[in-house]
Amino acid sequence: MLGLDLALLIDEAISVQGDAFTATVDNATCLLRSENGQIGNLTIENHLVKLEPLGEALVIGDLHGDLESLIIILQSSRFVEKRENTKEATLIFLGD
């Protein structure tokens, strides 16, 4: 699994144009619809993503694009540090 570069993710999220973001979401949706198989501890079967219980998970509700809240959540939970130290830390986003 790739390392998490929080600063890069934030810069890209802030600078992305609406059309580019919509295209990215559409592309991701198409991939998930057509994918079956194993990615890390995730299994994708017929549009259902199954997560094997392993280690710690941080579940974040729908933030409605509030990046400042996301930064606060990631910093206060120390998720990035945990993820760098173990592969048994999973981030789950709820919402659209």
Protein backbone atom coordinates (compact mmCIF):
# COMPACT_ATOMS: atom_id res chain seq x y z
CA MET A 1 0.00 0.00 0.00
CA LEU A 2 1.27 3.46 -0.79
CA GLY A 3 2.45 5.86 1.93
CA LEU A 4 0.09 8.64 2.93
CA ASP A 5 1.39 12.12 2.05
CA LEU A 6 -1.13 14.29 3.87
CA ALA A 7 0.33 17.60 2.68
CA LEU A 8 0.16 16.47 -0.97
CA LEU A 9 -3.42 15.22 -0.57
CA ILE A 10 -4.49 18.54 0.96
CA ASP A 11 -2.73 20.59 -1.74
CA GLU A 12 -4.38 18.55 -4.47
CA ALA A 13 -7.81 18.76 -2.81
CA ILE A 14 -7.57 22.53 -2.49
CA SER A 15 -6.32 23.12 -6.03
CA VAL A 16 -8.59 20.73 -7.91
CA GLN A 17 -11.19 22.21 -10.24
CA GLY A 18 -14.82 21.11 -10.00
CA ASP A 19 -14.86 19.31 -13.36
CA ALA A 20 -11.62 17.49 -12.59
CA PHE A 21 -12.95 16.39 -9.20
CA THR A 22 -16.19 15.13 -10.73
CA ALA A 23 -14.23 13.20 -13.36
CA THR A 24 -12.05 11.64 -10.64
CA VAL A 25 -15.09 10.54 -8.63
CA ASP A 26 -16.74 9.12 -11.78
CA ASN A 27 -13.56 7.21 -12.67
CA ALA A 28 -13.27 5.79 -9.14
CA THR A 29 -16.93 4.76 -9.22
CA CYS A 30 -16.43 2.95 -12.54
CA LEU A 31 -13.38 1.15 -11.16
CA LEU A 32 -15.23 0.00 -8.05
CA ARG A 33 -18.17 -1.19 -10.14
CA SER A 34 -15.94 -3.32 -12.33
CA GLU A 35 -13.41 -4.51 -9.77
CA ASN A 36 -13.39 -7.81 -7.95
CA GLY A 37 -10.49 -9.06 -5.95
CA GLN A 38 -8.17 -8.37 -3.07
CA ILE A 39 -6.45 -5.08 -2.24
CA GLY A 40 -4.55 -5.27 1.04
CA ASN A 41 -7.10 -6.39 3.65
CA LEU A 42 -10.01 -5.30 1.45
CA THR A 43 -11.98 -7.71 -0.69
CA ILE A 44 -14.23 -6.34 -3.43
CA GLU A 45 -17.04 -8.64 -4.55
CA ASN A 46 -19.98 -7.46 -6.65
CA HIS A 47 -19.88 -3.82 -5.50
CA LEU A 48 -19.43 -4.82 -1.85
CA VAL A 49 -16.21 -3.89 -0.09
CA LYS A 50 -15.37 -6.23 2.77
CA LEU A 51 -12.77 -5.20 5.32
CA GLU A 52 -11.16 -7.94 7.35
CA PRO A 53 -10.87 -6.93 11.02
CA LEU A 54 -7.22 -6.16 11.55
CA GLY A 55 -5.63 -3.61 13.85
CA GLU A 56 -7.16 -0.20 14.33
CA ALA A 57 -9.66 1.66 12.15
CA LEU A 58 -10.53 5.35 12.12
CA VAL A 59 -14.04 6.00 10.80
CA ILE A 60 -14.77 9.54 9.58
CA GLY A 61 -18.30 10.69 8.81
CA ASP A 62 -19.34 12.82 5.87
CA LEU A 63 -17.30 16.03 6.16
CA HIS A 64 -19.01 17.86 3.28
CA GLY A 65 -15.62 19.03 1.99
CA ASP A 66 -14.49 20.47 5.34
CA LEU A 67 -10.72 19.95 4.99
CA GLU A 68 -9.92 21.81 8.20
CA SER A 69 -11.97 19.29 10.18
CA LEU A 70 -10.25 16.43 8.35
CA ILE A 71 -6.85 17.84 9.30
CA ILE A 72 -7.90 18.20 12.94
CA ILE A 73 -9.25 14.63 13.01
CA LEU A 74 -6.09 13.18 11.46
CA GLN A 75 -3.82 15.17 13.75
CA SER A 76 -5.72 14.49 16.97
CA SER A 77 -6.04 10.77 16.21
CA ARG A 78 -2.37 10.59 15.14
CA PHE A 79 -3.57 8.37 12.28
CA VAL A 80 -0.78 9.32 9.87
CA GLU A 81 1.88 8.39 12.43
CA LYS A 82 0.10 5.12 13.22
CA ARG A 83 -0.15 4.28 9.51
CA GLU A 84 3.54 4.97 8.99
CA ASN A 85 4.42 2.61 11.86
CA THR A 86 2.04 -0.24 11.07
CA LYS A 87 0.07 -1.56 8.14
CA GLU A 88 -2.72 -2.45 10.59
CA ALA A 89 -4.32 1.01 10.59
CA THR A 90 -7.24 1.64 8.26
CA LEU A 91 -9.01 4.90 7.41
CA ILE A 92 -12.69 4.60 6.48
CA PHE A 93 -14.67 7.53 5.05
CA LEU A 94 -18.45 7.52 5.23
CA GLY A 95 -20.52 9.74 3.02
CA ASP A 96 -20.25 10.74 -0.60
